[in-house]
Amino acid sequence: MEIRLEHEAHYDWIAFVPLRDSNAGALTKYFGKVTGEDEYKYRGIECRQRSTPTYIDEAHKELIRAMDAYRDPEAVCGELRSWVDRLERGVVDPDELVITNRVSKHRNRLQRISVIS
């Protein structure tokens, strides 16, 4: 069996998100630090989705930056704790927690589908 892979970039490090029912990493869900750049690549994770609330997007990216800076799970967990604490204290602007979804179908088509259903 031959599996063709495309080269996207060189990474200082890369992390593959585990599959739900397995310890194996999903090849389409990963993040990593691009070699020689001050940027990260995000693929298939929440911060890439338009529907992700701003607060979650920022938290996700900050946790990835913390992982790059500290390379220590406890330090990353400490950073996560600070984001959770802000939520629990109620100091996060509710607008930063809004989930937005775009409907890609035309309104006429949606109305016909709901009448038929």
PDB file of N, CA and C in Angstrom:
ATOM      1  N   MET A   1       0.850  -1.171   0.000  1.00  0.00           N
ATOM      2  CA  MET A   1       0.000   0.000   0.000  1.00  0.00           C
ATOM      3  C   MET A   1       0.897   1.235   0.000  1.00  0.00           C
ATOM      4  N   GLU A   2       0.566   2.173  -0.850  1.00  0.00           N
ATOM      5  CA  GLU A   2       1.336   3.406  -0.940  1.00  0.00           C
ATOM      6  C   GLU A   2       0.466   4.568  -0.472  1.00  0.00           C
ATOM      7  N   ILE A   3       1.006   5.368   0.429  1.00  0.00           N
ATOM      8  CA  ILE A   3       0.299   6.545   0.914  1.00  0.00           C
ATOM      9  C   ILE A   3       1.125   7.766   0.538  1.00  0.00           C
ATOM     10  N   ARG A   4       0.550   8.618  -0.272  1.00  0.00           N
ATOM     11  CA  ARG A   4       1.254   9.830  -0.684  1.00  0.00           C
ATOM     12  C   ARG A   4       0.993  10.940   0.334  1.00  0.00           C
ATOM     13  N   LEU A   5       2.053  11.589   0.742  1.00  0.00           N
ATOM     14  CA  LEU A   5       1.951  12.709   1.673  1.00  0.00           C
ATOM     15  C   LEU A   5       2.481  13.966   1.000  1.00  0.00           C
ATOM     16  N   GLU A   6       1.842  15.082   1.262  1.00  0.00           N
ATOM     17  CA  GLU A   6       2.315  16.355   0.733  1.00  0.00           C
ATOM     18  C   GLU A   6       3.153  17.045   1.787  1.00  0.00           C
ATOM     19  N   HIS A   7       4.255  17.627   1.342  1.00  0.00           N
ATOM     20  CA  HIS A   7       5.101  18.389   2.254  1.00  0.00           C
ATOM     21  C   HIS A   7       4.522  19.792   2.390  1.00  0.00           C
ATOM     22  N   GLU A   8       4.204  20.175   3.609  1.00  0.00           N
ATOM     23  CA  GLU A   8       3.623  21.495   3.836  1.00  0.00           C
ATOM     24  C   GLU A   8       4.640  22.467   4.407  1.00  0.00           C
ATOM     25  N   ALA A   9       5.447  22.000   5.354  1.00  0.00           N
ATOM     26  CA  ALA A   9       6.429  22.879   5.999  1.00  0.00           C
ATOM     27  C   ALA A   9       7.363  22.034   6.857  1.00  0.00           C
ATOM     28  N   HIS A  10       8.459  22.648   7.277  1.00  0.00           N
ATOM     29  CA  HIS A  10       9.334  22.037   8.268  1.00  0.00           C
ATOM     30  C   HIS A  10       8.908  22.575   9.630  1.00  0.00           C
ATOM     31  N   TYR A  11       8.924  21.711  10.624  1.00  0.00           N
ATOM     32  CA  TYR A  11       8.465  22.103  11.954  1.00  0.00           C
ATOM     33  C   TYR A  11       9.560  21.890  12.989  1.00  0.00           C
ATOM     34  N   ASP A  12       9.623  22.807  13.967  1.00  0.00           N
ATOM     35  CA  ASP A  12      10.478  22.572  15.143  1.00  0.00           C
ATOM     36  C   ASP A  12       9.880  21.434  15.957  1.00  0.00           C
ATOM     37  N   TRP A  13       8.556  21.428  16.031  1.00  0.00           N
ATOM     38  CA  TRP A  13       7.818  20.358  16.695  1.00  0.00           C
ATOM     39  C   TRP A  13       6.408  20.335  16.112  1.00  0.00           C
ATOM     40  N   ILE A  14       5.777  19.188  16.244  1.00  0.00           N
ATOM     41  CA  ILE A  14       4.413  19.021  15.746  1.00  0.00           C
ATOM     42  C   ILE A  14       3.677  18.056  16.681  1.00  0.00           C
ATOM     43  N   ALA A  15       2.393  18.304  16.892  1.00  0.00           N
ATOM     44  CA  ALA A  15       1.576  17.441  17.749  1.00  0.00           C
ATOM     45  C   ALA A  15       0.335  17.018  16.967  1.00  0.00           C
ATOM     46  N   PHE A  16       0.096  15.716  16.931  1.00  0.00           N
ATOM     47  CA  PHE A  16      -1.086  15.179  16.270  1.00  0.00           C
ATOM     48  C   PHE A  16      -2.150  14.900  17.325  1.00  0.00           C
ATOM     49  N   VAL A  17      -3.356  15.356  17.062  1.00  0.00           N
ATOM     50  CA  VAL A  17      -4.469  15.173  17.990  1.00  0.00           C
ATOM     51  C   VAL A  17      -4.914  13.719  17.935  1.00  0.00           C
ATOM     52  N   PRO A  18      -5.047  13.058  19.098  1.00  0.00           N
ATOM     53  CA  PRO A  18      -5.471  11.649  19.079  1.00  0.00           C
ATOM     54  C   PRO A  18      -6.899  11.484  18.573  1.00  0.00           C
ATOM     55  N   LEU A  19      -7.125  10.359  17.940  1.00  0.00           N
ATOM     56  CA  LEU A  19      -8.483  10.001  17.526  1.00  0.00           C
ATOM     57  C   LEU A  19      -9.329   9.747  18.770  1.00  0.00           C
ATOM     58  N   ARG A  20     -10.630   9.929  18.672  1.00  0.00           N
ATOM     59  CA  ARG A  20     -11.517   9.758  19.831  1.00  0.00           C
ATOM     60  C   ARG A  20     -11.406   8.385  20.492  1.00  0.00           C
ATOM     61  N   ASP A  21     -11.397   7.338  19.700  1.00  0.00           N
ATOM     62  CA  ASP A  21     -11.436   5.981  20.247  1.00  0.00           C
ATOM     63  C   ASP A  21     -10.091   5.270  20.142  1.00  0.00           C
ATOM     64  N   SER A  22      -9.002   6.041  20.120  1.00  0.00           N
ATOM     65  CA  SER A  22      -7.701   5.428  19.905  1.00  0.00           C
ATOM     66  C   SER A  22      -6.605   6.347  20.431  1.00  0.00           C
ATOM     67  N   ASN A  23      -5.447   5.787  20.660  1.00  0.00           N
ATOM     68  CA  ASN A  23      -4.289   6.598  21.026  1.00  0.00           C
ATOM     69  C   ASN A  23      -3.536   7.088  19.795  1.00  0.00           C
ATOM     70  N   ALA A  24      -3.937   6.611  18.627  1.00  0.00           N
ATOM     71  CA  ALA A  24      -3.283   7.005  17.382  1.00  0.00           C
ATOM     72  C   ALA A  24      -3.645   8.448  17.042  1.00  0.00           C
ATOM     73  N   GLY A  25      -2.724   9.159  16.428  1.00  0.00           N
ATOM     74  CA  GLY A  25      -2.972  10.535  16.024  1.00  0.00           C
ATOM     75  C   GLY A  25      -3.669  10.616  14.683  1.00  0.00           C
ATOM     76  N   ALA A  26      -4.552  11.583  14.549  1.00  0.00           N
ATOM     77  CA  ALA A  26      -5.235  11.821  13.277  1.00  0.00           C
ATOM     78  C   ALA A  26      -4.314  12.648  12.385  1.00  0.00           C
ATOM     79  N   LEU A  27      -4.059  12.207  11.194  1.00  0.00           N
ATOM     80  CA  LEU A  27      -3.134  12.905  10.294  1.00  0.00           C
ATOM     81  C   LEU A  27      -3.665  14.248   9.809  1.00  0.00           C
ATOM     82  N   THR A  28      -4.965  14.469   9.941  1.00  0.00           N
ATOM     83  CA  THR A  28      -5.551  15.729   9.487  1.00  0.00           C
ATOM     84  C   THR A  28      -5.789  16.718  10.619  1.00  0.00           C
ATOM     85  N   LYS A  29      -5.444  16.337  11.840  1.00  0.00           N
ATOM     86  CA  LYS A  29      -5.647  17.226  12.998  1.00  0.00           C
ATOM     87  C   LYS A  29      -4.320  17.369  13.728  1.00  0.00           C
ATOM     88  N   TYR A  30      -3.711  18.529  13.572  1.00  0.00           N
ATOM     89  CA  TYR A  30      -2.403  18.734  14.197  1.00  0.00           C
ATOM     90  C   TYR A  30      -2.116  20.219  14.355  1.00  0.00           C
ATOM     91  N   PHE A  31      -1.100  20.515  15.117  1.00  0.00           N
ATOM     92  CA  PHE A  31      -0.591  21.876  15.239  1.00  0.00           C
ATOM     93  C   PHE A  31       0.910  21.771  15.466  1.00  0.00           C
ATOM     94  N   GLY A  32       1.619  22.814  15.085  1.00  0.00           N
ATOM     95  CA  GLY A  32       3.060  22.768  15.250  1.00  0.00           C
ATOM     96  C   GLY A  32       3.707  24.120  15.038  1.00  0.00           C
ATOM     97  N   LYS A  33       4.951  24.216  15.453  1.00  0.00           N
ATOM     98  CA  LYS A  33       5.759  25.441  15.314  1.00  0.00           C
ATOM     99  C   LYS A  33       6.564  25.331  14.034  1.00  0.00           C
ATOM    100  N   VAL A  34       6.362  26.272  13.123  1.00  0.00           N
ATOM    101  CA  VAL A  34       7.054  26.267  11.839  1.00  0.00           C
ATOM    102  C   VAL A  34       8.511  26.672  12.053  1.00  0.00           C
ATOM    103  N   THR A  35       9.430  25.876  11.509  1.00  0.00           N
ATOM    104  CA  THR A  35      10.863  26.137  11.639  1.00  0.00           C
ATOM    105  C   THR A  35      11.234  27.476  11.011  1.00  0.00           C
ATOM    106  N   GLY A  36      12.005  28.264  11.757  1.00  0.00           N
ATOM    107  CA  GLY A  36      12.502  29.534  11.247  1.00  0.00           C
ATOM    108  C   GLY A  36      11.469  30.634  11.146  1.00  0.00           C
ATOM    109  N   GLU A  37      10.279  30.406  11.638  1.00  0.00           N
ATOM    110  CA  GLU A  37       9.199  31.395  11.575  1.00  0.00           C
ATOM    111  C   GLU A  37       8.668  31.638  12.984  1.00  0.00           C
ATOM    112  N   ASP A  38       8.049  32.766  13.157  1.00  0.00           N
ATOM    113  CA  ASP A  38       7.407  33.054  14.434  1.00  0.00           C
ATOM    114  C   ASP A  38       5.911  32.793  14.292  1.00  0.00           C
ATOM    115  N   GLU A  39       5.591  31.612  13.784  1.00  0.00           N
ATOM    116  CA  GLU A  39       4.187  31.270  13.573  1.00  0.00           C
ATOM    117  C   GLU A  39       3.952  29.787  13.821  1.00  0.00           C
ATOM    118  N   TYR A  40       2.696  29.480  13.975  1.00  0.00           N
ATOM    119  CA  TYR A  40       2.265  28.106  14.204  1.00  0.00           C
ATOM    120  C   TYR A  40       1.297  27.717  13.096  1.00  0.00           C
ATOM    121  N   LYS A  41       1.251  26.436  12.785  1.00  0.00           N
ATOM    122  CA  LYS A  41       0.257  25.906  11.849  1.00  0.00           C
ATOM    123  C   LYS A  41      -0.800  25.187  12.672  1.00  0.00           C
ATOM    124  N   TYR A  42      -2.056  25.435  12.344  1.00  0.00           N
ATOM    125  CA  TYR A  42      -3.180  24.785  13.000  1.00  0.00           C
ATOM    126  C   TYR A  42      -4.004  24.108  11.919  1.00  0.00           C
ATOM    127  N   ARG A  43      -4.238  22.817  12.046  1.00  0.00           N
ATOM    128  CA  ARG A  43      -5.034  22.097  11.055  1.00  0.00           C
ATOM    129  C   ARG A  43      -6.034  21.182  11.765  1.00  0.00           C
ATOM    130  N   GLY A  44      -7.302  21.337  11.408  1.00  0.00           N
ATOM    131  CA  GLY A  44      -8.338  20.444  11.905  1.00  0.00           C
ATOM    132  C   GLY A  44      -8.685  20.593  13.374  1.00  0.00           C
ATOM    133  N   ILE A  45      -8.273  21.684  14.003  1.00  0.00           N
ATOM    134  CA  ILE A  45      -8.560  21.882  15.424  1.00  0.00           C
ATOM    135  C   ILE A  45      -9.463  23.103  15.603  1.00  0.00           C
ATOM    136  N   GLU A  46     -10.009  23.261  16.786  1.00  0.00           N
ATOM    137  CA  GLU A  46     -11.040  24.259  17.066  1.00  0.00           C
ATOM    138  C   GLU A  46     -10.667  25.673  16.639  1.00  0.00           C
ATOM    139  N   CYS A  47      -9.426  26.079  16.864  1.00  0.00           N
ATOM    140  CA  CYS A  47      -9.072  27.466  16.541  1.00  0.00           C
ATOM    141  C   CYS A  47      -9.085  27.733  15.038  1.00  0.00           C
ATOM    142  N   ARG A  48      -9.243  26.720  14.217  1.00  0.00           N
ATOM    143  CA  ARG A  48      -9.346  26.897  12.764  1.00  0.00           C
ATOM    144  C   ARG A  48     -10.804  27.019  12.309  1.00  0.00           C
ATOM    145  N   GLN A  49     -11.735  26.732  13.182  1.00  0.00           N
ATOM    146  CA  GLN A  49     -13.143  26.739  12.789  1.00  0.00           C
ATOM    147  C   GLN A  49     -13.758  28.115  13.007  1.00  0.00           C
ATOM    148  N   ARG A  50     -14.510  28.574  12.037  1.00  0.00           N
ATOM    149  CA  ARG A  50     -15.140  29.899  12.150  1.00  0.00           C
ATOM    150  C   ARG A  50     -16.165  29.954  13.269  1.00  0.00           C
ATOM    151  N   SER A  51     -16.741  28.822  13.626  1.00  0.00           N
ATOM    152  CA  SER A  51     -17.795  28.809  14.641  1.00  0.00           C
ATOM    153  C   SER A  51     -17.236  28.863  16.071  1.00  0.00           C
ATOM    154  N   THR A  52     -15.948  28.712  16.237  1.00  0.00           N
ATOM    155  CA  THR A  52     -15.350  28.691  17.575  1.00  0.00           C
ATOM    156  C   THR A  52     -15.437  30.070  18.221  1.00  0.00           C
ATOM    157  N   PRO A  53     -15.924  30.145  19.457  1.00  0.00           N
ATOM    158  CA  PRO A  53     -15.983  31.431  20.157  1.00  0.00           C
ATOM    159  C   PRO A  53     -14.586  32.050  20.307  1.00  0.00           C
ATOM    160  N   THR A  54     -14.530  33.370  20.285  1.00  0.00           N
ATOM    161  CA  THR A  54     -13.272  34.107  20.378  1.00  0.00           C
ATOM    162  C   THR A  54     -12.459  33.684  21.595  1.00  0.00           C
ATOM    163  N   TYR A  55     -13.110  33.525  22.733  1.00  0.00           N
ATOM    164  CA  TYR A  55     -12.392  33.171  23.965  1.00  0.00           C
ATOM    165  C   TYR A  55     -11.708  31.813  23.828  1.00  0.00           C
ATOM    166  N   ILE A  56     -12.401  30.854  23.249  1.00  0.00           N
ATOM    167  CA  ILE A  56     -11.850  29.508  23.068  1.00  0.00           C
ATOM    168  C   ILE A  56     -10.716  29.544  22.054  1.00  0.00           C
ATOM    169  N   ASP A  57     -10.898  30.299  20.981  1.00  0.00           N
ATOM    170  CA  ASP A  57      -9.861  30.455  19.963  1.00  0.00           C
ATOM    171  C   ASP A  57      -8.578  31.014  20.591  1.00  0.00           C
ATOM    172  N   GLU A  58      -8.712  32.086  21.350  1.00  0.00           N
ATOM    173  CA  GLU A  58      -7.545  32.708  21.982  1.00  0.00           C
ATOM    174  C   GLU A  58      -6.904  31.774  23.010  1.00  0.00           C
ATOM    175  N   ALA A  59      -7.730  31.095  23.784  1.00  0.00           N
ATOM    176  CA  ALA A  59      -7.201  30.158  24.784  1.00  0.00           C
ATOM    177  C   ALA A  59      -6.424  29.040  24.105  1.00  0.00           C
ATOM    178  N   HIS A  60      -6.995  28.491  23.059  1.00  0.00           N
ATOM    179  CA  HIS A  60      -6.358  27.392  22.330  1.00  0.00           C
ATOM    180  C   HIS A  60      -4.983  27.811  21.814  1.00  0.00           C
ATOM    181  N   LYS A  61      -4.916  28.965  21.181  1.00  0.00           N
ATOM    182  CA  LYS A  61      -3.648  29.457  20.630  1.00  0.00           C
ATOM    183  C   LYS A  61      -2.652  29.774  21.745  1.00  0.00           C
ATOM    184  N   GLU A  62      -3.132  30.317  22.848  1.00  0.00           N
ATOM    185  CA  GLU A  62      -2.237  30.623  23.964  1.00  0.00           C
ATOM    186  C   GLU A  62      -1.678  29.353  24.596  1.00  0.00           C
ATOM    187  N   LEU A  63      -2.479  28.316  24.670  1.00  0.00           N
ATOM    188  CA  LEU A  63      -2.003  27.035  25.209  1.00  0.00           C
ATOM    189  C   LEU A  63      -0.937  26.427  24.299  1.00  0.00           C
ATOM    190  N   ILE A  64      -1.101  26.593  23.004  1.00  0.00           N
ATOM    191  CA  ILE A  64      -0.090  26.102  22.061  1.00  0.00           C
ATOM    192  C   ILE A  64       1.196  26.910  22.207  1.00  0.00           C
ATOM    193  N   ARG A  65       1.076  28.230  22.378  1.00  0.00           N
ATOM    194  CA  ARG A  65       2.272  29.057  22.615  1.00  0.00           C
ATOM    195  C   ARG A  65       2.964  28.659  23.920  1.00  0.00           C
ATOM    196  N   ALA A  66       2.174  28.348  24.951  1.00  0.00           N
ATOM    197  CA  ALA A  66       2.744  27.915  26.233  1.00  0.00           C
ATOM    198  C   ALA A  66       3.476  26.589  26.069  1.00  0.00           C
ATOM    199  N   MET A  67       2.908  25.702  25.265  1.00  0.00           N
ATOM    200  CA  MET A  67       3.581  24.432  25.030  1.00  0.00           C
ATOM    201  C   MET A  67       4.926  24.657  24.345  1.00  0.00           C
ATOM    202  N   ASP A  68       4.956  25.581  23.412  1.00  0.00           N
ATOM    203  CA  ASP A  68       6.201  25.893  22.715  1.00  0.00           C
ATOM    204  C   ASP A  68       7.218  26.521  23.676  1.00  0.00           C
ATOM    205  N   ALA A  69       6.751  27.413  24.515  1.00  0.00           N
ATOM    206  CA  ALA A  69       7.659  28.136  25.413  1.00  0.00           C
ATOM    207  C   ALA A  69       8.202  27.264  26.533  1.00  0.00           C
ATOM    208  N   TYR A  70       7.356  26.425  27.123  1.00  0.00           N
ATOM    209  CA  TYR A  70       7.748  25.682  28.321  1.00  0.00           C
ATOM    210  C   TYR A  70       8.084  24.217  28.083  1.00  0.00           C
ATOM    211  N   ARG A  71       7.462  23.612  27.068  1.00  0.00           N
ATOM    212  CA  ARG A  71       7.654  22.177  26.792  1.00  0.00           C
ATOM    213  C   ARG A  71       7.444  21.324  28.039  1.00  0.00           C
ATOM    214  N   ASP A  72       6.500  21.755  28.858  1.00  0.00           N
ATOM    215  CA  ASP A  72       6.227  21.096  30.128  1.00  0.00           C
ATOM    216  C   ASP A  72       4.711  21.001  30.312  1.00  0.00           C
ATOM    217  N   PRO A  73       4.166  19.786  30.403  1.00  0.00           N
ATOM    218  CA  PRO A  73       2.712  19.633  30.546  1.00  0.00           C
ATOM    219  C   PRO A  73       2.142  20.371  31.753  1.00  0.00           C
ATOM    220  N   GLU A  74       2.870  20.409  32.859  1.00  0.00           N
ATOM    221  CA  GLU A  74       2.345  21.095  34.051  1.00  0.00           C
ATOM    222  C   GLU A  74       2.221  22.594  33.822  1.00  0.00           C
ATOM    223  N   ALA A  75       3.165  23.172  33.104  1.00  0.00           N
ATOM    224  CA  ALA A  75       3.088  24.606  32.807  1.00  0.00           C
ATOM    225  C   ALA A  75       1.900  24.901  31.893  1.00  0.00           C
ATOM    226  N   VAL A  76       1.664  24.025  30.930  1.00  0.00           N
ATOM    227  CA  VAL A  76       0.529  24.200  30.027  1.00  0.00           C
ATOM    228  C   VAL A  76      -0.777  24.039  30.800  1.00  0.00           C
ATOM    229  N   CYS A  77      -0.825  23.072  31.703  1.00  0.00           N
ATOM    230  CA  CYS A  77      -2.023  22.885  32.541  1.00  0.00           C
ATOM    231  C   CYS A  77      -2.256  24.101  33.433  1.00  0.00           C
ATOM    232  N   GLY A  78      -1.189  24.724  33.907  1.00  0.00           N
ATOM    233  CA  GLY A  78      -1.317  25.952  34.702  1.00  0.00           C
ATOM    234  C   GLY A  78      -1.913  27.083  33.877  1.00  0.00           C
ATOM    235  N   GLU A  79      -1.478  27.193  32.637  1.00  0.00           N
ATOM    236  CA  GLU A  79      -2.047  28.196  31.727  1.00  0.00           C
ATOM    237  C   GLU A  79      -3.518  27.910  31.474  1.00  0.00           C
ATOM    238  N   LEU A  80      -3.863  26.652  31.253  1.00  0.00           N
ATOM    239  CA  LEU A  80      -5.259  26.255  31.060  1.00  0.00           C
ATOM    240  C   LEU A  80      -6.090  26.618  32.289  1.00  0.00           C
ATOM    241  N   ARG A  81      -5.546  26.371  33.462  1.00  0.00           N
ATOM    242  CA  ARG A  81      -6.251  26.684  34.708  1.00  0.00           C
ATOM    243  C   ARG A  81      -6.603  28.170  34.778  1.00  0.00           C
ATOM    244  N   SER A  82      -5.690  29.036  34.315  1.00  0.00           N
ATOM    245  CA  SER A  82      -5.969  30.480  34.356  1.00  0.00           C
ATOM    246  C   SER A  82      -7.129  30.851  33.424  1.00  0.00           C
ATOM    247  N   TRP A  83      -7.218  30.195  32.270  1.00  0.00           N
ATOM    248  CA  TRP A  83      -8.332  30.456  31.349  1.00  0.00           C
ATOM    249  C   TRP A  83      -9.645  29.946  31.937  1.00  0.00           C
ATOM    250  N   VAL A  84      -9.622  28.795  32.569  1.00  0.00           N
ATOM    251  CA  VAL A  84     -10.819  28.233  33.202  1.00  0.00           C
ATOM    252  C   VAL A  84     -11.240  29.095  34.397  1.00  0.00           C
ATOM    253  N   ASP A  85     -10.268  29.558  35.180  1.00  0.00           N
ATOM    254  CA  ASP A  85     -10.563  30.417  36.338  1.00  0.00           C
ATOM    255  C   ASP A  85     -11.317  31.675  35.916  1.00  0.00           C
ATOM    256  N   ARG A  86     -10.885  32.297  34.813  1.00  0.00           N
ATOM    257  CA  ARG A  86     -11.579  33.499  34.333  1.00  0.00           C
ATOM    258  C   ARG A  86     -13.034  33.199  33.989  1.00  0.00           C
ATOM    259  N   LEU A  87     -13.260  32.037  33.394  1.00  0.00           N
ATOM    260  CA  LEU A  87     -14.644  31.637  33.095  1.00  0.00           C
ATOM    261  C   LEU A  87     -15.444  31.451  34.375  1.00  0.00           C
ATOM    262  N   GLU A  88     -14.860  30.744  35.339  1.00  0.00           N
ATOM    263  CA  GLU A  88     -15.564  30.458  36.594  1.00  0.00           C
ATOM    264  C   GLU A  88     -15.841  31.723  37.401  1.00  0.00           C
ATOM    265  N   ARG A  89     -14.960  32.710  37.315  1.00  0.00           N
ATOM    266  CA  ARG A  89     -15.163  33.975  38.036  1.00  0.00           C
ATOM    267  C   ARG A  89     -16.172  34.876  37.328  1.00  0.00           C
ATOM    268  N   GLY A  90     -16.515  34.536  36.090  1.00  0.00           N
ATOM    269  CA  GLY A  90     -17.497  35.325  35.348  1.00  0.00           C
ATOM    270  C   GLY A  90     -16.949  36.626  34.800  1.00  0.00           C
ATOM    271  N   VAL A  91     -15.643  36.712  34.590  1.00  0.00           N
ATOM    272  CA  VAL A  91     -15.042  37.958  34.101  1.00  0.00           C
ATOM    273  C   VAL A  91     -14.857  37.980  32.583  1.00  0.00           C
ATOM    274  N   VAL A  92     -15.310  36.944  31.918  1.00  0.00           N
ATOM    275  CA  VAL A  92     -15.194  36.883  30.456  1.00  0.00           C
ATOM    276  C   VAL A  92     -16.430  37.537  29.838  1.00  0.00           C
ATOM    277  N   ASP A  93     -16.198  38.427  28.892  1.00  0.00           N
ATOM    278  CA  ASP A  93     -17.296  39.079  28.184  1.00  0.00           C
ATOM    279  C   ASP A  93     -18.118  38.008  27.461  1.00  0.00           C
ATOM    280  N   PRO A  94     -19.427  37.970  27.704  1.00  0.00           N
ATOM    281  CA  PRO A  94     -20.269  36.960  27.048  1.00  0.00           C
ATOM    282  C   PRO A  94     -20.154  36.957  25.521  1.00  0.00           C
ATOM    283  N   ASP A  95     -19.869  38.118  24.927  1.00  0.00           N
ATOM    284  CA  ASP A  95     -19.693  38.174  23.476  1.00  0.00           C
ATOM    285  C   ASP A  95     -18.535  37.294  23.004  1.00  0.00           C
ATOM    286  N   GLU A  96     -17.553  37.060  23.871  1.00  0.00           N
ATOM    287  CA  GLU A  96     -16.405  36.227  23.518  1.00  0.00           C
ATOM    288  C   GLU A  96     -16.736  34.733  23.588  1.00  0.00           C
ATOM    289  N   LEU A  97     -17.945  34.408  24.050  1.00  0.00           N
ATOM    290  CA  LEU A  97     -18.349  33.010  24.185  1.00  0.00           C
ATOM    291  C   LEU A  97     -19.427  32.610  23.181  1.00  0.00           C
ATOM    292  N   VAL A  98     -19.780  33.522  22.302  1.00  0.00           N
ATOM    293  CA  VAL A  98     -20.828  33.272  21.322  1.00  0.00           C
ATOM    294  C   VAL A  98     -20.326  32.333  20.235  1.00  0.00           C
ATOM    295  N   ILE A  99     -21.137  31.342  19.917  1.00  0.00           N
ATOM    296  CA  ILE A  99     -20.851  30.413  18.829  1.00  0.00           C
ATOM    297  C   ILE A  99     -21.618  30.905  17.608  1.00  0.00           C
ATOM    298  N   THR A 100     -20.917  31.091  16.515  1.00  0.00           N
ATOM    299  CA  THR A 100     -21.582  31.540  15.296  1.00  0.00           C
ATOM    300  C   THR A 100     -21.494  30.454  14.234  1.00  0.00           C
ATOM    301  N   ASN A 101     -22.570  30.286  13.527  1.00  0.00           N
ATOM    302  CA  ASN A 101     -22.610  29.341  12.413  1.00  0.00           C
ATOM    303  C   ASN A 101     -23.165  30.053  11.199  1.00  0.00           C
ATOM    304  N   ARG A 102     -22.581  29.762  10.069  1.00  0.00           N
ATOM    305  CA  ARG A 102     -23.087  30.310   8.814  1.00  0.00           C
ATOM    306  C   ARG A 102     -23.884  29.237   8.106  1.00  0.00           C
ATOM    307  N   VAL A 103     -25.022  29.629   7.603  1.00  0.00           N
ATOM    308  CA  VAL A 103     -25.844  28.716   6.829  1.00  0.00           C
ATOM    309  C   VAL A 103     -25.416  28.883   5.381  1.00  0.00           C
ATOM    310  N   SER A 104     -25.059  27.796   4.746  1.00  0.00           N
ATOM    311  CA  SER A 104     -24.549  27.887   3.381  1.00  0.00           C
ATOM    312  C   SER A 104     -25.621  27.679   2.319  1.00  0.00           C
ATOM    313  N   LYS A 105     -26.791  27.278   2.715  1.00  0.00           N
ATOM    314  CA  LYS A 105     -27.879  27.072   1.751  1.00  0.00           C
ATOM    315  C   LYS A 105     -28.692  28.353   1.622  1.00  0.00           C
ATOM    316  N   HIS A 106     -29.273  28.545   0.453  1.00  0.00           N
ATOM    317  CA  HIS A 106     -30.137  29.709   0.264  1.00  0.00           C
ATOM    318  C   HIS A 106     -31.414  29.543   1.081  1.00  0.00           C
ATOM    319  N   ARG A 107     -31.954  30.643   1.523  1.00  0.00           N
ATOM    320  CA  ARG A 107     -33.149  30.606   2.373  1.00  0.00           C
ATOM    321  C   ARG A 107     -34.309  29.878   1.691  1.00  0.00           C
ATOM    322  N   ASN A 108     -34.525  30.093   0.399  1.00  0.00           N
ATOM    323  CA  ASN A 108     -35.631  29.425  -0.322  1.00  0.00           C
ATOM    324  C   ASN A 108     -35.476  27.918  -0.246  1.00  0.00           C
ATOM    325  N   ARG A 109     -34.283  27.430  -0.428  1.00  0.00           N
ATOM    326  CA  ARG A 109     -34.040  25.979  -0.390  1.00  0.00           C
ATOM    327  C   ARG A 109     -34.324  25.447   1.011  1.00  0.00           C
ATOM    328  N   LEU A 110     -33.920  26.165   2.045  1.00  0.00           N
ATOM    329  CA  LEU A 110     -34.164  25.721   3.421  1.00  0.00           C
ATOM    330  C   LEU A 110     -35.661  25.677   3.724  1.00  0.00           C
ATOM    331  N   GLN A 111     -36.413  26.670   3.233  1.00  0.00           N
ATOM    332  CA  GLN A 111     -37.859  26.683   3.478  1.00  0.00           C
ATOM    333  C   GLN A 111     -38.529  25.503   2.785  1.00  0.00           C
ATOM    334  N   ARG A 112     -38.104  25.168   1.560  1.00  0.00           N
ATOM    335  CA  ARG A 112     -38.695  24.032   0.848  1.00  0.00           C
ATOM    336  C   ARG A 112     -38.372  22.725   1.577  1.00  0.00           C
ATOM    337  N   ILE A 113     -37.162  22.618   2.086  1.00  0.00           N
ATOM    338  CA  ILE A 113     -36.786  21.395   2.804  1.00  0.00           C
ATOM    339  C   ILE A 113     -37.615  21.251   4.062  1.00  0.00           C
ATOM    340  N   SER A 114     -37.823  22.325   4.807  1.00  0.00           N
ATOM    341  CA  SER A 114     -38.569  22.205   6.055  1.00  0.00           C
ATOM    342  C   SER A 114     -40.050  21.931   5.785  1.00  0.00           C
ATOM    343  N   VAL A 115     -40.614  22.425   4.690  1.00  0.00           N
ATOM    344  CA  VAL A 115     -42.010  22.146   4.352  1.00  0.00           C
ATOM    345  C   VAL A 115     -42.146  20.683   3.964  1.00  0.00           C
ATOM    346  N   ILE A 116     -41.198  20.143   3.250  1.00  0.00           N
ATOM    347  CA  ILE A 116     -41.247  18.747   2.813  1.00  0.00           C
ATOM    348  C   ILE A 116     -41.063  17.815   3.996  1.00  0.00           C
ATOM    349  N   SER A 117     -40.223  18.188   4.923  1.00  0.00           N
ATOM    350  CA  SER A 117     -39.887  17.311   6.057  1.00  0.00           C
ATOM    351  C   SER A 117     -41.053  16.991   6.884  1.00  0.00           C
TER     352      SER A 117
END
